[in-house]
PDB file of N, CA and C in Angstrom:
ATOM      1  N   UNK A   1       0.850  -1.168   0.000  1.00  0.00           N
ATOM      2  CA  UNK A   1       0.000   0.000   0.000  1.00  0.00           C
ATOM      3  C   UNK A   1       0.903   1.241   0.000  1.00  0.00           C
ATOM      4  N   UNK A   2       0.595   2.185  -0.840  1.00  0.00           N
ATOM      5  CA  UNK A   2       1.397   3.405  -0.970  1.00  0.00           C
ATOM      6  C   UNK A   2       1.103   4.338   0.191  1.00  0.00           C
ATOM      7  N   UNK A   3       2.140   5.064   0.690  1.00  0.00           N
ATOM      8  CA  UNK A   3       1.898   6.010   1.782  1.00  0.00           C
ATOM      9  C   UNK A   3       0.986   7.133   1.301  1.00  0.00           C
ATOM     10  N   UNK A   4       0.195   7.668   2.234  1.00  0.00           N
ATOM     11  CA  UNK A   4      -0.708   8.769   1.892  1.00  0.00           C
ATOM     12  C   UNK A   4       0.118   9.999   1.548  1.00  0.00           C
ATOM     13  N   UNK A   5      -0.300  10.676   0.517  1.00  0.00           N
ATOM     14  CA  UNK A   5       0.434  11.888   0.136  1.00  0.00           C
ATOM     15  C   UNK A   5      -0.053  13.068   0.974  1.00  0.00           C
ATOM     16  N   UNK A   6       0.858  13.926   1.266  1.00  0.00           N
ATOM     17  CA  UNK A   6       0.546  15.130   2.045  1.00  0.00           C
ATOM     18  C   UNK A   6       0.387  16.278   1.061  1.00  0.00           C
ATOM     19  N   UNK A   7      -0.765  16.960   1.112  1.00  0.00           N
ATOM     20  CA  UNK A   7      -0.945  18.070   0.177  1.00  0.00           C
ATOM     21  C   UNK A   7       0.015  19.207   0.487  1.00  0.00           C
ATOM     22  N   UNK A   8       0.406  19.965  -0.533  1.00  0.00           N
ATOM     23  CA  UNK A   8       1.319  21.093  -0.291  1.00  0.00           C
ATOM     24  C   UNK A   8       0.617  22.168   0.538  1.00  0.00           C
ATOM     25  N   UNK A   9       1.383  22.969   1.268  1.00  0.00           N
ATOM     26  CA  UNK A   9       0.757  24.047   2.040  1.00  0.00           C
ATOM     27  C   UNK A   9       0.060  25.022   1.102  1.00  0.00           C
ATOM     28  N   UNK A  10      -1.016  25.593   1.588  1.00  0.00           N
ATOM     29  CA  UNK A  10      -1.768  26.552   0.787  1.00  0.00           C
ATOM     30  C   UNK A  10      -1.702  27.921   1.442  1.00  0.00           C
ATOM     31  N   UNK A  11      -1.942  28.920   0.651  1.00  0.00           N
ATOM     32  CA  UNK A  11      -1.994  30.294   1.144  1.00  0.00           C
ATOM     33  C   UNK A  11      -3.448  30.722   1.136  1.00  0.00           C
ATOM     34  N   UNK A  12      -3.905  31.235   2.247  1.00  0.00           N
ATOM     35  CA  UNK A  12      -5.292  31.673   2.359  1.00  0.00           C
ATOM     36  C   UNK A  12      -5.382  33.118   1.871  1.00  0.00           C
ATOM     37  N   UNK A  13      -5.797  33.282   0.630  1.00  0.00           N
ATOM     38  CA  UNK A  13      -5.918  34.634   0.062  1.00  0.00           C
ATOM     39  C   UNK A  13      -7.165  35.348   0.569  1.00  0.00           C
ATOM     40  N   UNK A  14      -8.113  34.604   1.108  1.00  0.00           N
ATOM     41  CA  UNK A  14      -9.335  35.219   1.629  1.00  0.00           C
ATOM     42  C   UNK A  14      -9.099  35.883   2.986  1.00  0.00           C
ATOM     43  N   UNK A  15      -8.145  35.372   3.767  1.00  0.00           N
ATOM     44  CA  UNK A  15      -7.881  35.899   5.097  1.00  0.00           C
ATOM     45  C   UNK A  15      -6.384  36.107   5.294  1.00  0.00           C
ATOM     46  N   UNK A  16      -5.823  37.122   4.639  1.00  0.00           N
ATOM     47  CA  UNK A  16      -4.381  37.338   4.794  1.00  0.00           C
ATOM     48  C   UNK A  16      -4.057  37.682   6.244  1.00  0.00           C
ATOM     49  N   UNK A  17      -2.867  37.297   6.672  1.00  0.00           N
ATOM     50  CA  UNK A  17      -2.483  37.619   8.041  1.00  0.00           C
ATOM     51  C   UNK A  17      -2.270  39.125   8.164  1.00  0.00           C
ATOM     52  N   UNK A  18      -2.737  39.641   9.283  1.00  0.00           N
ATOM     53  CA  UNK A  18      -2.620  41.084   9.521  1.00  0.00           C
ATOM     54  C   UNK A  18      -1.343  41.374  10.296  1.00  0.00           C
ATOM     55  N   UNK A  19      -0.834  42.560  10.105  1.00  0.00           N
ATOM     56  CA  UNK A  19       0.313  42.976  10.908  1.00  0.00           C
ATOM     57  C   UNK A  19      -0.203  43.357  12.295  1.00  0.00           C
ATOM     58  N   UNK A  20       0.692  43.443  13.232  1.00  0.00           N
ATOM     59  CA  UNK A  20       0.306  43.783  14.604  1.00  0.00           C
ATOM     60  C   UNK A  20      -0.333  45.164  14.636  1.00  0.00           C
ATOM     61  N   UNK A  21      -1.289  45.330  15.509  1.00  0.00           N
ATOM     62  CA  UNK A  21      -2.016  46.593  15.669  1.00  0.00           C
ATOM     63  C   UNK A  21      -1.864  47.035  17.122  1.00  0.00           C
ATOM     64  N   UNK A  22      -1.260  48.185  17.320  1.00  0.00           N
ATOM     65  CA  UNK A  22      -1.045  48.718  18.673  1.00  0.00           C
ATOM     66  C   UNK A  22      -2.363  49.264  19.222  1.00  0.00           C
ATOM     67  N   UNK A  23      -2.673  48.905  20.465  1.00  0.00           N
ATOM     68  CA  UNK A  23      -3.889  49.418  21.106  1.00  0.00           C
ATOM     69  C   UNK A  23      -3.785  50.939  21.120  1.00  0.00           C
ATOM     70  N   UNK A  24      -4.808  51.637  20.597  1.00  0.00           N
ATOM     71  CA  UNK A  24      -4.701  53.091  20.434  1.00  0.00           C
ATOM     72  C   UNK A  24      -5.124  53.916  21.651  1.00  0.00           C
ATOM     73  N   UNK A  25      -5.006  53.344  22.838  1.00  0.00           N
ATOM     74  CA  UNK A  25      -5.483  54.051  24.023  1.00  0.00           C
ATOM     75  C   UNK A  25      -4.413  54.139  25.102  1.00  0.00           C
ATOM     76  N   UNK A  26      -4.560  55.182  25.905  1.00  0.00           N
ATOM     77  CA  UNK A  26      -3.780  55.321  27.134  1.00  0.00           C
ATOM     78  C   UNK A  26      -4.793  55.514  28.248  1.00  0.00           C
ATOM     79  N   UNK A  27      -4.634  54.778  29.345  1.00  0.00           N
ATOM     80  CA  UNK A  27      -5.513  54.929  30.498  1.00  0.00           C
ATOM     81  C   UNK A  27      -4.770  55.706  31.575  1.00  0.00           C
ATOM     82  N   UNK A  28      -5.219  56.933  31.823  1.00  0.00           N
ATOM     83  CA  UNK A  28      -4.627  57.791  32.855  1.00  0.00           C
ATOM     84  C   UNK A  28      -5.273  57.435  34.189  1.00  0.00           C
ATOM     85  N   UNK A  29      -4.454  56.946  35.111  1.00  0.00           N
ATOM     86  CA  UNK A  29      -4.942  56.524  36.428  1.00  0.00           C
ATOM     87  C   UNK A  29      -4.632  57.550  37.520  1.00  0.00           C
ATOM     88  N   UNK A  30      -4.262  58.765  37.168  1.00  0.00           N
ATOM     89  CA  UNK A  30      -3.819  59.753  38.165  1.00  0.00           C
ATOM     90  C   UNK A  30      -4.923  60.150  39.142  1.00  0.00           C
ATOM     91  N   UNK A  31      -6.180  59.997  38.793  1.00  0.00           N
ATOM     92  CA  UNK A  31      -7.288  60.331  39.701  1.00  0.00           C
ATOM     93  C   UNK A  31      -7.955  59.064  40.259  1.00  0.00           C
ATOM     94  N   UNK A  32      -7.277  57.919  40.137  1.00  0.00           N
ATOM     95  CA  UNK A  32      -7.823  56.646  40.623  1.00  0.00           C
ATOM     96  C   UNK A  32      -7.948  56.698  42.146  1.00  0.00           C
ATOM     97  N   UNK A  33      -8.837  55.962  42.748  1.00  0.00           N
ATOM     98  CA  UNK A  33      -9.636  54.888  42.170  1.00  0.00           C
ATOM     99  C   UNK A  33     -11.038  55.301  41.760  1.00  0.00           C
ATOM    100  N   UNK A  34     -11.354  56.563  41.790  1.00  0.00           N
ATOM    101  CA  UNK A  34     -12.714  56.990  41.446  1.00  0.00           C
ATOM    102  C   UNK A  34     -12.887  57.429  40.002  1.00  0.00           C
ATOM    103  N   UNK A  35     -11.784  57.909  39.397  1.00  0.00           N
ATOM    104  CA  UNK A  35     -11.909  58.433  38.031  1.00  0.00           C
ATOM    105  C   UNK A  35     -10.682  58.056  37.220  1.00  0.00           C
ATOM    106  N   UNK A  36     -10.935  57.674  35.978  1.00  0.00           N
ATOM    107  CA  UNK A  36      -9.888  57.298  35.024  1.00  0.00           C
ATOM    108  C   UNK A  36     -10.190  58.031  33.723  1.00  0.00           C
ATOM    109  N   UNK A  37      -9.153  58.377  32.984  1.00  0.00           N
ATOM    110  CA  UNK A  37      -9.353  59.024  31.697  1.00  0.00           C
ATOM    111  C   UNK A  37      -8.758  58.146  30.614  1.00  0.00           C
ATOM    112  N   UNK A  38      -9.577  57.815  29.634  1.00  0.00           N
ATOM    113  CA  UNK A  38      -9.153  57.010  28.496  1.00  0.00           C
ATOM    114  C   UNK A  38      -8.948  57.949  27.312  1.00  0.00           C
ATOM    115  N   UNK A  39      -7.753  57.945  26.737  1.00  0.00           N
ATOM    116  CA  UNK A  39      -7.422  58.852  25.635  1.00  0.00           C
ATOM    117  C   UNK A  39      -7.080  58.038  24.389  1.00  0.00           C
ATOM    118  N   UNK A  40      -7.634  58.456  23.252  1.00  0.00           N
ATOM    119  CA  UNK A  40      -7.282  57.836  21.970  1.00  0.00           C
ATOM    120  C   UNK A  40      -5.939  58.420  21.543  1.00  0.00           C
ATOM    121  N   UNK A  41      -4.872  57.627  21.689  1.00  0.00           N
ATOM    122  CA  UNK A  41      -3.534  58.065  21.308  1.00  0.00           C
ATOM    123  C   UNK A  41      -3.149  57.571  19.913  1.00  0.00           C
ATOM    124  N   UNK A  42      -4.094  56.960  19.228  1.00  0.00           N
ATOM    125  CA  UNK A  42      -3.834  56.448  17.887  1.00  0.00           C
ATOM    126  C   UNK A  42      -3.883  57.542  16.834  1.00  0.00           C
ATOM    127  N   UNK A  43      -3.708  57.124  15.576  1.00  0.00           N
ATOM    128  CA  UNK A  43      -3.699  58.068  14.457  1.00  0.00           C
ATOM    129  C   UNK A  43      -4.994  58.056  13.676  1.00  0.00           C
ATOM    130  N   UNK A  44      -5.978  57.298  14.142  1.00  0.00           N
ATOM    131  CA  UNK A  44      -7.252  57.208  13.448  1.00  0.00           C
ATOM    132  C   UNK A  44      -8.377  57.189  14.471  1.00  0.00           C
ATOM    133  N   UNK A  45      -9.577  57.610  14.063  1.00  0.00           N
ATOM    134  CA  UNK A  45     -10.709  57.547  14.993  1.00  0.00           C
ATOM    135  C   UNK A  45     -11.089  56.095  15.257  1.00  0.00           C
ATOM    136  N   UNK A  46     -11.715  55.855  16.402  1.00  0.00           N
ATOM    137  CA  UNK A  46     -12.285  54.545  16.692  1.00  0.00           C
ATOM    138  C   UNK A  46     -13.800  54.719  16.750  1.00  0.00           C
ATOM    139  N   UNK A  47     -14.506  53.743  16.257  1.00  0.00           N
ATOM    140  CA  UNK A  47     -15.965  53.805  16.199  1.00  0.00           C
ATOM    141  C   UNK A  47     -16.588  52.755  17.106  1.00  0.00           C
ATOM    142  N   UNK A  48     -17.813  53.031  17.559  1.00  0.00           N
ATOM    143  CA  UNK A  48     -18.566  52.068  18.343  1.00  0.00           C
ATOM    144  C   UNK A  48     -17.872  51.637  19.613  1.00  0.00           C
ATOM    145  N   UNK A  49     -17.209  52.560  20.282  1.00  0.00           N
ATOM    146  CA  UNK A  49     -16.471  52.246  21.502  1.00  0.00           C
ATOM    147  C   UNK A  49     -17.456  51.953  22.631  1.00  0.00           C
ATOM    148  N   UNK A  50     -17.314  50.772  23.234  1.00  0.00           N
ATOM    149  CA  UNK A  50     -18.127  50.432  24.402  1.00  0.00           C
ATOM    150  C   UNK A  50     -17.206  49.999  25.532  1.00  0.00           C
ATOM    151  N   UNK A  51     -17.693  50.204  26.740  1.00  0.00           N
ATOM    152  CA  UNK A  51     -16.936  49.857  27.929  1.00  0.00           C
ATOM    153  C   UNK A  51     -17.839  49.064  28.858  1.00  0.00           C
ATOM    154  N   UNK A  52     -17.327  47.958  29.341  1.00  0.00           N
ATOM    155  CA  UNK A  52     -18.035  47.139  30.327  1.00  0.00           C
ATOM    156  C   UNK A  52     -17.116  46.964  31.522  1.00  0.00           C
ATOM    157  N   UNK A  53     -17.636  47.244  32.722  1.00  0.00           N
ATOM    158  CA  UNK A  53     -16.854  47.114  33.954  1.00  0.00           C
ATOM    159  C   UNK A  53     -17.116  45.752  34.575  1.00  0.00           C
ATOM    160  N   UNK A  54     -16.053  45.089  35.000  1.00  0.00           N
ATOM    161  CA  UNK A  54     -16.138  43.809  35.711  1.00  0.00           C
ATOM    162  C   UNK A  54     -15.374  43.957  37.010  1.00  0.00           C
ATOM    163  N   UNK A  55     -16.052  43.821  38.120  1.00  0.00           N
ATOM    164  CA  UNK A  55     -15.365  43.932  39.403  1.00  0.00           C
ATOM    165  C   UNK A  55     -16.269  44.491  40.470  1.00  0.00           C
ATOM    166  N   UNK A  56     -15.661  44.805  41.606  1.00  0.00           N
ATOM    167  CA  UNK A  56     -16.384  45.373  42.732  1.00  0.00           C
ATOM    168  C   UNK A  56     -16.721  46.825  42.419  1.00  0.00           C
ATOM    169  N   UNK A  57     -17.806  47.289  42.979  1.00  0.00           N
ATOM    170  CA  UNK A  57     -18.219  48.669  42.728  1.00  0.00           C
ATOM    171  C   UNK A  57     -19.059  48.771  41.477  1.00  0.00           C
ATOM    172  N   UNK A  58     -19.242  49.996  41.033  1.00  0.00           N
ATOM    173  CA  UNK A  58     -20.101  50.244  39.881  1.00  0.00           C
ATOM    174  C   UNK A  58     -19.462  51.285  38.966  1.00  0.00           C
ATOM    175  N   UNK A  59     -19.403  50.979  37.687  1.00  0.00           N
ATOM    176  CA  UNK A  59     -19.000  51.939  36.655  1.00  0.00           C
ATOM    177  C   UNK A  59     -20.120  51.926  35.626  1.00  0.00           C
ATOM    178  N   UNK A  60     -20.731  53.072  35.372  1.00  0.00           N
ATOM    179  CA  UNK A  60     -21.826  53.093  34.405  1.00  0.00           C
ATOM    180  C   UNK A  60     -21.370  52.565  33.041  1.00  0.00           C
ATOM    181  N   UNK A  61     -22.210  51.783  32.377  1.00  0.00           N
ATOM    182  CA  UNK A  61     -21.861  51.330  31.024  1.00  0.00           C
ATOM    183  C   UNK A  61     -21.633  52.544  30.135  1.00  0.00           C
ATOM    184  N   UNK A  62     -20.777  52.389  29.175  1.00  0.00           N
ATOM    185  CA  UNK A  62     -20.406  53.517  28.330  1.00  0.00           C
ATOM    186  C   UNK A  62     -20.429  53.093  26.872  1.00  0.00           C
ATOM    187  N   UNK A  63     -21.008  53.931  26.045  1.00  0.00           N
ATOM    188  CA  UNK A  63     -21.001  53.689  24.603  1.00  0.00           C
ATOM    189  C   UNK A  63     -20.788  55.036  23.909  1.00  0.00           C
ATOM    190  N   UNK A  64     -19.781  55.088  23.051  1.00  0.00           N
ATOM    191  CA  UNK A  64     -19.443  56.312  22.330  1.00  0.00           C
ATOM    192  C   UNK A  64     -19.413  55.979  20.851  1.00  0.00           C
ATOM    193  N   UNK A  65     -20.117  56.765  20.069  1.00  0.00           N
ATOM    194  CA  UNK A  65     -20.184  56.498  18.636  1.00  0.00           C
ATOM    195  C   UNK A  65     -18.820  56.593  17.971  1.00  0.00           C
ATOM    196  N   UNK A  66     -18.064  57.645  18.286  1.00  0.00           N
ATOM    197  CA  UNK A  66     -16.741  57.845  17.682  1.00  0.00           C
ATOM    198  C   UNK A  66     -15.863  58.622  18.647  1.00  0.00           C
ATOM    199  N   UNK A  67     -14.597  58.182  18.738  1.00  0.00           N
ATOM    200  CA  UNK A  67     -13.616  58.903  19.550  1.00  0.00           C
ATOM    201  C   UNK A  67     -12.446  59.243  18.635  1.00  0.00           C
ATOM    202  N   UNK A  68     -12.282  60.523  18.400  1.00  0.00           N
ATOM    203  CA  UNK A  68     -11.243  61.015  17.491  1.00  0.00           C
ATOM    204  C   UNK A  68      -9.864  60.943  18.153  1.00  0.00           C
ATOM    205  N   UNK A  69      -8.796  60.898  17.360  1.00  0.00           N
ATOM    206  CA  UNK A  69      -7.441  60.910  17.925  1.00  0.00           C
ATOM    207  C   UNK A  69      -7.233  62.140  18.811  1.00  0.00           C
ATOM    208  N   UNK A  70      -6.599  61.924  19.957  1.00  0.00           N
ATOM    209  CA  UNK A  70      -6.333  63.020  20.885  1.00  0.00           C
ATOM    210  C   UNK A  70      -7.466  63.307  21.850  1.00  0.00           C
ATOM    211  N   UNK A  71      -8.631  62.755  21.602  1.00  0.00           N
ATOM    212  CA  UNK A  71      -9.783  62.988  22.482  1.00  0.00           C
ATOM    213  C   UNK A  71      -9.832  61.916  23.559  1.00  0.00           C
ATOM    214  N   UNK A  72     -10.455  62.268  24.684  1.00  0.00           N
ATOM    215  CA  UNK A  72     -10.560  61.339  25.788  1.00  0.00           C
ATOM    216  C   UNK A  72     -11.946  61.319  26.378  1.00  0.00           C
ATOM    217  N   UNK A  73     -12.151  60.391  27.279  1.00  0.00           N
ATOM    218  CA  UNK A  73     -13.414  60.306  28.005  1.00  0.00           C
ATOM    219  C   UNK A  73     -13.118  59.826  29.415  1.00  0.00           C
ATOM    220  N   UNK A  74     -14.031  60.132  30.323  1.00  0.00           N
ATOM    221  CA  UNK A  74     -13.845  59.802  31.724  1.00  0.00           C
ATOM    222  C   UNK A  74     -14.609  58.541  32.083  1.00  0.00           C
ATOM    223  N   UNK A  75     -13.954  57.677  32.845  1.00  0.00           N
ATOM    224  CA  UNK A  75     -14.571  56.472  33.378  1.00  0.00           C
ATOM    225  C   UNK A  75     -14.658  56.664  34.885  1.00  0.00           C
ATOM    226  N   UNK A  76     -15.861  56.570  35.438  1.00  0.00           N
ATOM    227  CA  UNK A  76     -16.056  56.727  36.878  1.00  0.00           C
ATOM    228  C   UNK A  76     -16.369  55.375  37.501  1.00  0.00           C
ATOM    229  N   UNK A  77     -15.761  55.113  38.661  1.00  0.00           N
ATOM    230  CA  UNK A  77     -16.020  53.872  39.398  1.00  0.00           C
ATOM    231  C   UNK A  77     -16.443  54.267  40.807  1.00  0.00           C
ATOM    232  N   UNK A  78     -17.567  53.729  41.259  1.00  0.00           N
ATOM    233  CA  UNK A  78     -18.118  54.075  42.565  1.00  0.00           C
ATOM    234  C   UNK A  78     -18.158  52.857  43.479  1.00  0.00           C
ATOM    235  N   UNK A  79     -17.883  53.077  44.771  1.00  0.00           N
ATOM    236  CA  UNK A  79     -18.103  52.062  45.787  1.00  0.00           C
ATOM    237  C   UNK A  79     -17.114  50.933  45.863  1.00  0.00           C
ATOM    238  N   UNK A  80     -15.869  51.138  45.423  1.00  0.00           N
ATOM    239  CA  UNK A  80     -14.867  50.075  45.512  1.00  0.00           C
ATOM    240  C   UNK A  80     -13.534  50.653  45.955  1.00  0.00           C
ATOM    241  N   UNK A  81     -12.835  49.933  46.842  1.00  0.00           N
ATOM    242  CA  UNK A  81     -11.486  50.373  47.198  1.00  0.00           C
ATOM    243  C   UNK A  81     -10.556  50.200  46.000  1.00  0.00           C
ATOM    244  N   UNK A  82      -9.463  50.913  45.992  1.00  0.00           N
ATOM    245  CA  UNK A  82      -8.547  50.940  44.836  1.00  0.00           C
ATOM    246  C   UNK A  82      -8.138  49.559  44.353  1.00  0.00           C
ATOM    247  N   UNK A  83      -7.810  48.660  45.273  1.00  0.00           N
ATOM    248  CA  UNK A  83      -7.334  47.338  44.871  1.00  0.00           C
ATOM    249  C   UNK A  83      -8.448  46.414  44.378  1.00  0.00           C
ATOM    250  N   UNK A  84      -9.706  46.854  44.483  1.00  0.00           N
ATOM    251  CA  UNK A  84     -10.827  46.011  44.063  1.00  0.00           C
ATOM    252  C   UNK A  84     -11.662  46.632  42.946  1.00  0.00           C
ATOM    253  N   UNK A  85     -11.111  47.602  42.242  1.00  0.00           N
ATOM    254  CA  UNK A  85     -11.892  48.275  41.196  1.00  0.00           C
ATOM    255  C   UNK A  85     -12.133  47.394  39.984  1.00  0.00           C
ATOM    256  N   UNK A  86     -11.361  46.335  39.816  1.00  0.00           N
ATOM    257  CA  UNK A  86     -11.621  45.393  38.738  1.00  0.00           C
ATOM    258  C   UNK A  86     -10.978  45.757  37.422  1.00  0.00           C
ATOM    259  N   UNK A  87     -11.675  45.421  36.353  1.00  0.00           N
ATOM    260  CA  UNK A  87     -11.186  45.656  35.001  1.00  0.00           C
ATOM    261  C   UNK A  87     -12.298  46.259  34.159  1.00  0.00           C
ATOM    262  N   UNK A  88     -11.903  46.849  33.050  1.00  0.00           N
ATOM    263  CA  UNK A  88     -12.873  47.254  32.042  1.00  0.00           C
ATOM    264  C   UNK A  88     -12.524  46.512  30.756  1.00  0.00           C
ATOM    265  N   UNK A  89     -13.547  46.183  30.010  1.00  0.00           N
ATOM    266  CA  UNK A  89     -13.360  45.574  28.709  1.00  0.00           C
ATOM    267  C   UNK A  89     -13.820  46.599  27.684  1.00  0.00           C
ATOM    268  N   UNK A  90     -12.880  47.019  26.849  1.00  0.00           N
ATOM    269  CA  UNK A  90     -13.175  47.991  25.797  1.00  0.00           C
ATOM    270  C   UNK A  90     -13.370  47.244  24.482  1.00  0.00           C
ATOM    271  N   UNK A  91     -14.344  47.668  23.723  1.00  0.00           N
ATOM    272  CA  UNK A  91     -14.615  47.101  22.394  1.00  0.00           C
ATOM    273  C   UNK A  91     -14.725  48.273  21.433  1.00  0.00           C
ATOM    274  N   UNK A  92     -14.083  48.182  20.272  1.00  0.00           N
ATOM    275  CA  UNK A  92     -14.155  49.255  19.289  1.00  0.00           C
ATOM    276  C   UNK A  92     -13.922  48.701  17.894  1.00  0.00           C
ATOM    277  N   UNK A  93     -14.187  49.554  16.915  1.00  0.00           N
ATOM    278  CA  UNK A  93     -13.940  49.215  15.513  1.00  0.00           C
ATOM    279  C   UNK A  93     -13.030  50.273  14.904  1.00  0.00           C
ATOM    280  N   UNK A  94     -12.126  49.785  14.051  1.00  0.00           N
ATOM    281  CA  UNK A  94     -11.274  50.681  13.277  1.00  0.00           C
ATOM    282  C   UNK A  94     -12.069  51.166  12.066  1.00  0.00           C
ATOM    283  N   UNK A  95     -11.560  52.160  11.330  1.00  0.00           N
ATOM    284  CA  UNK A  95     -12.278  52.634  10.144  1.00  0.00           C
ATOM    285  C   UNK A  95     -12.540  51.539   9.104  1.00  0.00           C
ATOM    286  N   UNK A  96     -11.694  50.483   9.068  1.00  0.00           N
ATOM    287  CA  UNK A  96     -11.940  49.390   8.108  1.00  0.00           C
ATOM    288  C   UNK A  96     -12.992  48.403   8.622  1.00  0.00           C
ATOM    289  N   UNK A  97     -13.603  48.701   9.774  1.00  0.00           N
ATOM    290  CA  UNK A  97     -14.674  47.931  10.417  1.00  0.00           C
ATOM    291  C   UNK A  97     -14.178  46.697  11.168  1.00  0.00           C
ATOM    292  N   UNK A  98     -12.872  46.474  11.259  1.00  0.00           N
ATOM    293  CA  UNK A  98     -12.375  45.352  12.057  1.00  0.00           C
ATOM    294  C   UNK A  98     -12.598  45.682  13.539  1.00  0.00           C
ATOM    295  N   UNK A  99     -12.919  44.650  14.309  1.00  0.00           N
ATOM    296  CA  UNK A  99     -13.302  44.824  15.707  1.00  0.00           C
ATOM    297  C   UNK A  99     -12.184  44.366  16.634  1.00  0.00           C
ATOM    298  N   UNK A 100     -12.026  45.092  17.743  1.00  0.00           N
ATOM    299  CA  UNK A 100     -10.987  44.783  18.714  1.00  0.00           C
ATOM    300  C   UNK A 100     -11.542  44.839  20.128  1.00  0.00           C
ATOM    301  N   UNK A 101     -10.899  44.082  21.023  1.00  0.00           N
ATOM    302  CA  UNK A 101     -11.231  44.077  22.449  1.00  0.00           C
ATOM    303  C   UNK A 101      -9.947  44.286  23.235  1.00  0.00           C
ATOM    304  N   UNK A 102     -10.043  45.026  24.342  1.00  0.00           N
ATOM    305  CA  UNK A 102      -8.901  45.225  25.224  1.00  0.00           C
ATOM    306  C   UNK A 102      -9.386  45.063  26.652  1.00  0.00           C
ATOM    307  N   UNK A 103      -8.793  44.165  27.376  1.00  0.00           N
ATOM    308  CA  UNK A 103      -9.108  43.868  28.764  1.00  0.00           C
ATOM    309  C   UNK A 103      -8.124  44.675  29.607  1.00  0.00           C
ATOM    310  N   UNK A 104      -8.604  45.692  30.336  1.00  0.00           N
ATOM    311  CA  UNK A 104      -7.716  46.627  31.039  1.00  0.00           C
ATOM    312  C   UNK A 104      -7.957  46.617  32.538  1.00  0.00           C
ATOM    313  N   UNK A 105      -6.962  46.242  33.331  1.00  0.00           N
ATOM    314  CA  UNK A 105      -7.115  46.339  34.790  1.00  0.00           C
ATOM    315  C   UNK A 105      -7.080  47.808  35.212  1.00  0.00           C
ATOM    316  N   UNK A 106      -7.911  48.154  36.169  1.00  0.00           N
ATOM    317  CA  UNK A 106      -7.930  49.539  36.640  1.00  0.00           C
ATOM    318  C   UNK A 106      -6.858  49.803  37.696  1.00  0.00           C
ATOM    319  N   UNK A 107      -6.473  48.799  38.430  1.00  0.00           N
ATOM    320  CA  UNK A 107      -5.409  48.977  39.430  1.00  0.00           C
ATOM    321  C   UNK A 107      -4.091  49.202  38.695  1.00  0.00           C
ATOM    322  N   UNK A 108      -3.333  50.175  39.125  1.00  0.00           N
ATOM    323  CA  UNK A 108      -2.108  50.579  38.431  1.00  0.00           C
ATOM    324  C   UNK A 108      -1.061  49.471  38.362  1.00  0.00           C
ATOM    325  N   UNK A 109      -1.002  48.603  39.359  1.00  0.00           N
ATOM    326  CA  UNK A 109       0.037  47.586  39.376  1.00  0.00           C
ATOM    327  C   UNK A 109      -0.387  46.253  38.761  1.00  0.00           C
ATOM    328  N   UNK A 110      -1.596  46.181  38.229  1.00  0.00           N
ATOM    329  CA  UNK A 110      -2.067  44.937  37.614  1.00  0.00           C
ATOM    330  C   UNK A 110      -1.608  44.881  36.159  1.00  0.00           C
ATOM    331  N   UNK A 111      -1.278  43.684  35.643  1.00  0.00           N
ATOM    332  CA  UNK A 111      -0.826  43.558  34.252  1.00  0.00           C
ATOM    333  C   UNK A 111      -1.981  43.694  33.268  1.00  0.00           C
ATOM    334  N   UNK A 112      -1.735  44.336  32.133  1.00  0.00           N
ATOM    335  CA  UNK A 112      -2.726  44.438  31.068  1.00  0.00           C
ATOM    336  C   UNK A 112      -2.699  43.143  30.267  1.00  0.00           C
ATOM    337  N   UNK A 113      -3.831  42.798  29.653  1.00  0.00           N
ATOM    338  CA  UNK A 113      -3.886  41.610  28.795  1.00  0.00           C
ATOM    339  C   UNK A 113      -4.122  42.017  27.372  1.00  0.00           C
TER     340      UNK A 113
END
């Protein structure tokens, strides 16, 4: 019996690999643990920006249609000590409509994912 042949590798032209994309935000924690400022430090606007808070305390849900480069917004967290403020999950779209998520710890010494 002949050994099974292995097909040659293929290139997926429908889904080319993308180059790395730097998260276009900076989270200013200087007024923590009650207030944080998220700034778009990228070179393009982000669309459909939403924020979901996970953790102790309360941060109002946030949805912004568009955040231009250089612009920022305030995130408020109520009722939690600094070490228990949790994380926020940011979701946005680039101008090409690709979607991204960023899991951001609010505590200054916690690692970002």
